[in-house]
Amino acid sequence: AIKKGNGKAKLTTVSGGTLTATMNGNNVIVTDENGGMATVTQANVFQSNGVIHVVDTVLLPGADEKKM
């Protein structure tokens, strides 16, 4: 998705917010609406109900998402 988006992938959260994924070398960086950034440390951890991507920092919802 990042390659197809010319270096960026916009992802919609369950609560309607947006996360932006970019590449920094071989690392995937995820940025939240507040400008918080996290690096994916482990990708594609398959679970019975979906897939988890582990990040090194907690990302917080934007102001509009907190109202939900």
N, C-alpha and C. Protein backbone atom coordinates (compact mmCIF):
# COMPACT_ATOMS: atom_id res chain seq x y z
N ALA A 1 0.82 -1.20 0.00
CA ALA A 1 0.00 0.00 0.00
C ALA A 1 0.86 1.26 0.00
N ILE A 2 2.00 1.22 0.70
CA ILE A 2 2.88 2.39 0.75
C ILE A 2 3.47 2.67 -0.62
N LYS A 3 3.91 1.63 -1.30
CA LYS A 3 4.49 1.81 -2.64
C LYS A 3 3.44 2.32 -3.63
N LYS A 4 2.23 1.77 -3.56
CA LYS A 4 1.16 2.20 -4.47
C LYS A 4 0.72 3.64 -4.19
N GLY A 5 0.90 4.10 -2.96
CA GLY A 5 0.51 5.46 -2.58
C GLY A 5 1.64 6.46 -2.71
N ASN A 6 2.63 6.14 -3.55
CA ASN A 6 3.78 7.04 -3.75
C ASN A 6 4.47 7.39 -2.44
N GLY A 7 4.66 6.38 -1.59
CA GLY A 7 5.41 6.58 -0.35
C GLY A 7 4.58 6.76 0.89
N LYS A 8 3.24 6.80 0.75
CA LYS A 8 2.35 6.96 1.90
C LYS A 8 1.13 6.07 1.76
N ALA A 9 0.67 5.55 2.88
CA ALA A 9 -0.59 4.81 2.91
C ALA A 9 -1.44 5.41 4.02
N LYS A 10 -2.65 5.84 3.70
CA LYS A 10 -3.60 6.37 4.68
C LYS A 10 -4.48 5.23 5.15
N LEU A 11 -4.55 5.03 6.46
CA LEU A 11 -5.31 3.93 7.04
C LEU A 11 -6.38 4.50 7.97
N THR A 12 -7.60 4.01 7.86
CA THR A 12 -8.69 4.47 8.71
C THR A 12 -8.80 3.57 9.93
N THR A 13 -8.86 4.18 11.12
CA THR A 13 -8.97 3.41 12.36
C THR A 13 -10.43 3.00 12.59
N VAL A 14 -10.64 2.12 13.54
CA VAL A 14 -11.99 1.67 13.89
C VAL A 14 -12.87 2.84 14.30
N SER A 15 -12.28 3.84 14.96
CA SER A 15 -13.06 4.98 15.43
C SER A 15 -13.13 6.12 14.42
N GLY A 16 -12.64 5.88 13.19
CA GLY A 16 -12.78 6.86 12.13
C GLY A 16 -11.61 7.81 11.95
N GLY A 17 -10.56 7.64 12.73
CA GLY A 17 -9.37 8.47 12.59
C GLY A 17 -8.50 8.00 11.44
N THR A 18 -7.40 8.69 11.24
CA THR A 18 -6.49 8.35 10.15
C THR A 18 -5.08 8.14 10.68
N LEU A 19 -4.46 7.05 10.26
CA LEU A 19 -3.04 6.80 10.49
C LEU A 19 -2.36 6.84 9.13
N THR A 20 -1.14 7.37 9.10
CA THR A 20 -0.38 7.43 7.85
C THR A 20 0.86 6.57 8.01
N ALA A 21 1.05 5.63 7.09
CA ALA A 21 2.21 4.75 7.11
C ALA A 21 3.18 5.18 6.02
N THR A 22 4.46 5.27 6.39
CA THR A 22 5.52 5.62 5.45
C THR A 22 6.71 4.70 5.69
N MET A 23 7.66 4.73 4.78
CA MET A 23 8.89 3.95 4.94
C MET A 23 10.03 4.87 5.32
N ASN A 24 10.91 4.40 6.21
CA ASN A 24 12.15 5.07 6.54
C ASN A 24 13.23 4.00 6.47
N GLY A 25 13.89 3.89 5.32
CA GLY A 25 14.79 2.76 5.10
C GLY A 25 13.97 1.50 4.99
N ASN A 26 14.27 0.52 5.86
CA ASN A 26 13.51 -0.73 5.88
C ASN A 26 12.40 -0.72 6.92
N ASN A 27 12.22 0.39 7.63
CA ASN A 27 11.24 0.47 8.71
C ASN A 27 9.95 1.13 8.24
N VAL A 28 8.83 0.59 8.73
CA VAL A 28 7.53 1.21 8.50
C VAL A 28 7.26 2.14 9.69
N ILE A 29 6.97 3.40 9.38
CA ILE A 29 6.66 4.40 10.40
C ILE A 29 5.18 4.73 10.30
N VAL A 30 4.49 4.71 11.44
CA VAL A 30 3.07 5.04 11.48
C VAL A 30 2.92 6.35 12.25
N THR A 31 2.21 7.31 11.65
CA THR A 31 2.00 8.62 12.26
C THR A 31 0.51 8.82 12.52
N ASP A 32 0.17 9.25 13.75
CA ASP A 32 -1.23 9.50 14.07
C ASP A 32 -1.61 10.95 13.74
N GLU A 33 -2.86 11.30 13.97
CA GLU A 33 -3.36 12.63 13.63
C GLU A 33 -2.75 13.74 14.49
N ASN A 34 -2.15 13.37 15.63
CA ASN A 34 -1.52 14.34 16.52
C ASN A 34 -0.05 14.55 16.18
N GLY A 35 0.46 13.80 15.21
CA GLY A 35 1.87 13.88 14.86
C GLY A 35 2.73 12.87 15.60
N GLY A 36 2.11 12.05 16.46
CA GLY A 36 2.85 10.99 17.15
C GLY A 36 3.32 9.95 16.16
N MET A 37 4.53 9.43 16.38
CA MET A 37 5.11 8.47 15.43
C MET A 37 5.52 7.19 16.15
N ALA A 38 5.30 6.06 15.48
CA ALA A 38 5.70 4.76 16.00
C ALA A 38 6.33 3.96 14.88
N THR A 39 7.29 3.13 15.24
CA THR A 39 7.94 2.24 14.28
C THR A 39 7.37 0.84 14.45
N VAL A 40 7.02 0.19 13.35
CA VAL A 40 6.56 -1.20 13.41
C VAL A 40 7.78 -2.07 13.71
N THR A 41 7.73 -2.77 14.86
CA THR A 41 8.85 -3.61 15.27
C THR A 41 8.64 -5.07 14.91
N GLN A 42 7.39 -5.47 14.74
CA GLN A 42 7.08 -6.84 14.31
C GLN A 42 5.79 -6.78 13.50
N ALA A 43 5.87 -7.18 12.25
CA ALA A 43 4.71 -7.13 11.36
C ALA A 43 4.09 -8.51 11.18
N ASN A 44 2.82 -8.51 10.83
CA ASN A 44 2.11 -9.72 10.43
C ASN A 44 2.13 -10.82 11.48
N VAL A 45 1.67 -10.50 12.68
CA VAL A 45 1.49 -11.49 13.74
C VAL A 45 0.05 -11.99 13.59
N PHE A 46 -0.10 -13.17 13.00
CA PHE A 46 -1.43 -13.69 12.69
C PHE A 46 -2.11 -14.24 13.94
N GLN A 47 -3.37 -13.83 14.14
CA GLN A 47 -4.21 -14.28 15.24
C GLN A 47 -5.49 -14.86 14.66
N SER A 48 -6.31 -15.49 15.49
CA SER A 48 -7.53 -16.12 14.99
C SER A 48 -8.54 -15.10 14.45
N ASN A 49 -8.46 -13.86 14.94
CA ASN A 49 -9.44 -12.85 14.52
C ASN A 49 -8.82 -11.71 13.70
N GLY A 50 -7.58 -11.87 13.25
CA GLY A 50 -6.97 -10.82 12.44
C GLY A 50 -5.45 -10.87 12.48
N VAL A 51 -4.84 -9.75 12.13
CA VAL A 51 -3.39 -9.64 12.07
C VAL A 51 -2.96 -8.46 12.92
N ILE A 52 -1.90 -8.63 13.70
CA ILE A 52 -1.38 -7.58 14.56
C ILE A 52 -0.04 -7.11 14.01
N HIS A 53 0.19 -5.79 14.08
CA HIS A 53 1.50 -5.21 13.78
C HIS A 53 1.95 -4.54 15.08
N VAL A 54 3.06 -4.99 15.65
CA VAL A 54 3.56 -4.46 16.92
C VAL A 54 4.34 -3.18 16.64
N VAL A 55 4.08 -2.13 17.45
CA VAL A 55 4.79 -0.86 17.32
C VAL A 55 5.50 -0.54 18.63
N ASP A 56 6.48 0.37 18.55
CA ASP A 56 7.31 0.68 19.72
C ASP A 56 6.78 1.82 20.59
N THR A 57 5.67 2.43 20.21
CA THR A 57 5.12 3.57 20.93
C THR A 57 3.61 3.54 20.86
N VAL A 58 2.96 4.01 21.90
CA VAL A 58 1.50 4.11 21.88
C VAL A 58 1.09 5.31 21.03
N LEU A 59 0.17 5.08 20.10
CA LEU A 59 -0.39 6.17 19.29
C LEU A 59 -1.75 6.53 19.87
N LEU A 60 -2.02 7.83 19.97
CA LEU A 60 -3.26 8.30 20.60
C LEU A 60 -4.26 8.77 19.56
N PRO A 61 -5.56 8.62 19.86
CA PRO A 61 -6.57 9.10 18.91
C PRO A 61 -6.57 10.62 18.83
N GLY A 62 -7.04 11.13 17.70
CA GLY A 62 -7.19 12.57 17.53
C GLY A 62 -8.33 13.09 18.39
N ALA A 63 -8.47 14.39 18.50
CA ALA A 63 -9.50 15.01 19.34
C ALA A 63 -10.90 14.57 18.94
N ASP A 64 -11.18 14.47 17.64
CA ASP A 64 -12.51 14.07 17.18
C ASP A 64 -12.82 12.62 17.55
N GLU A 65 -11.81 11.76 17.54
CA GLU A 65 -12.02 10.35 17.87
C GLU A 65 -12.34 10.17 19.34
N LYS A 66 -11.77 10.99 20.22
CA LYS A 66 -11.98 10.86 21.66
C LYS A 66 -13.43 11.13 22.04
N LYS A 67 -14.16 11.86 21.23
CA LYS A 67 -15.55 12.22 21.52
C LYS A 67 -16.50 11.06 21.27
N MET A 68 -16.05 10.04 20.56
CA MET A 68 -16.93 8.93 20.18
C MET A 68 -17.21 8.04 21.36
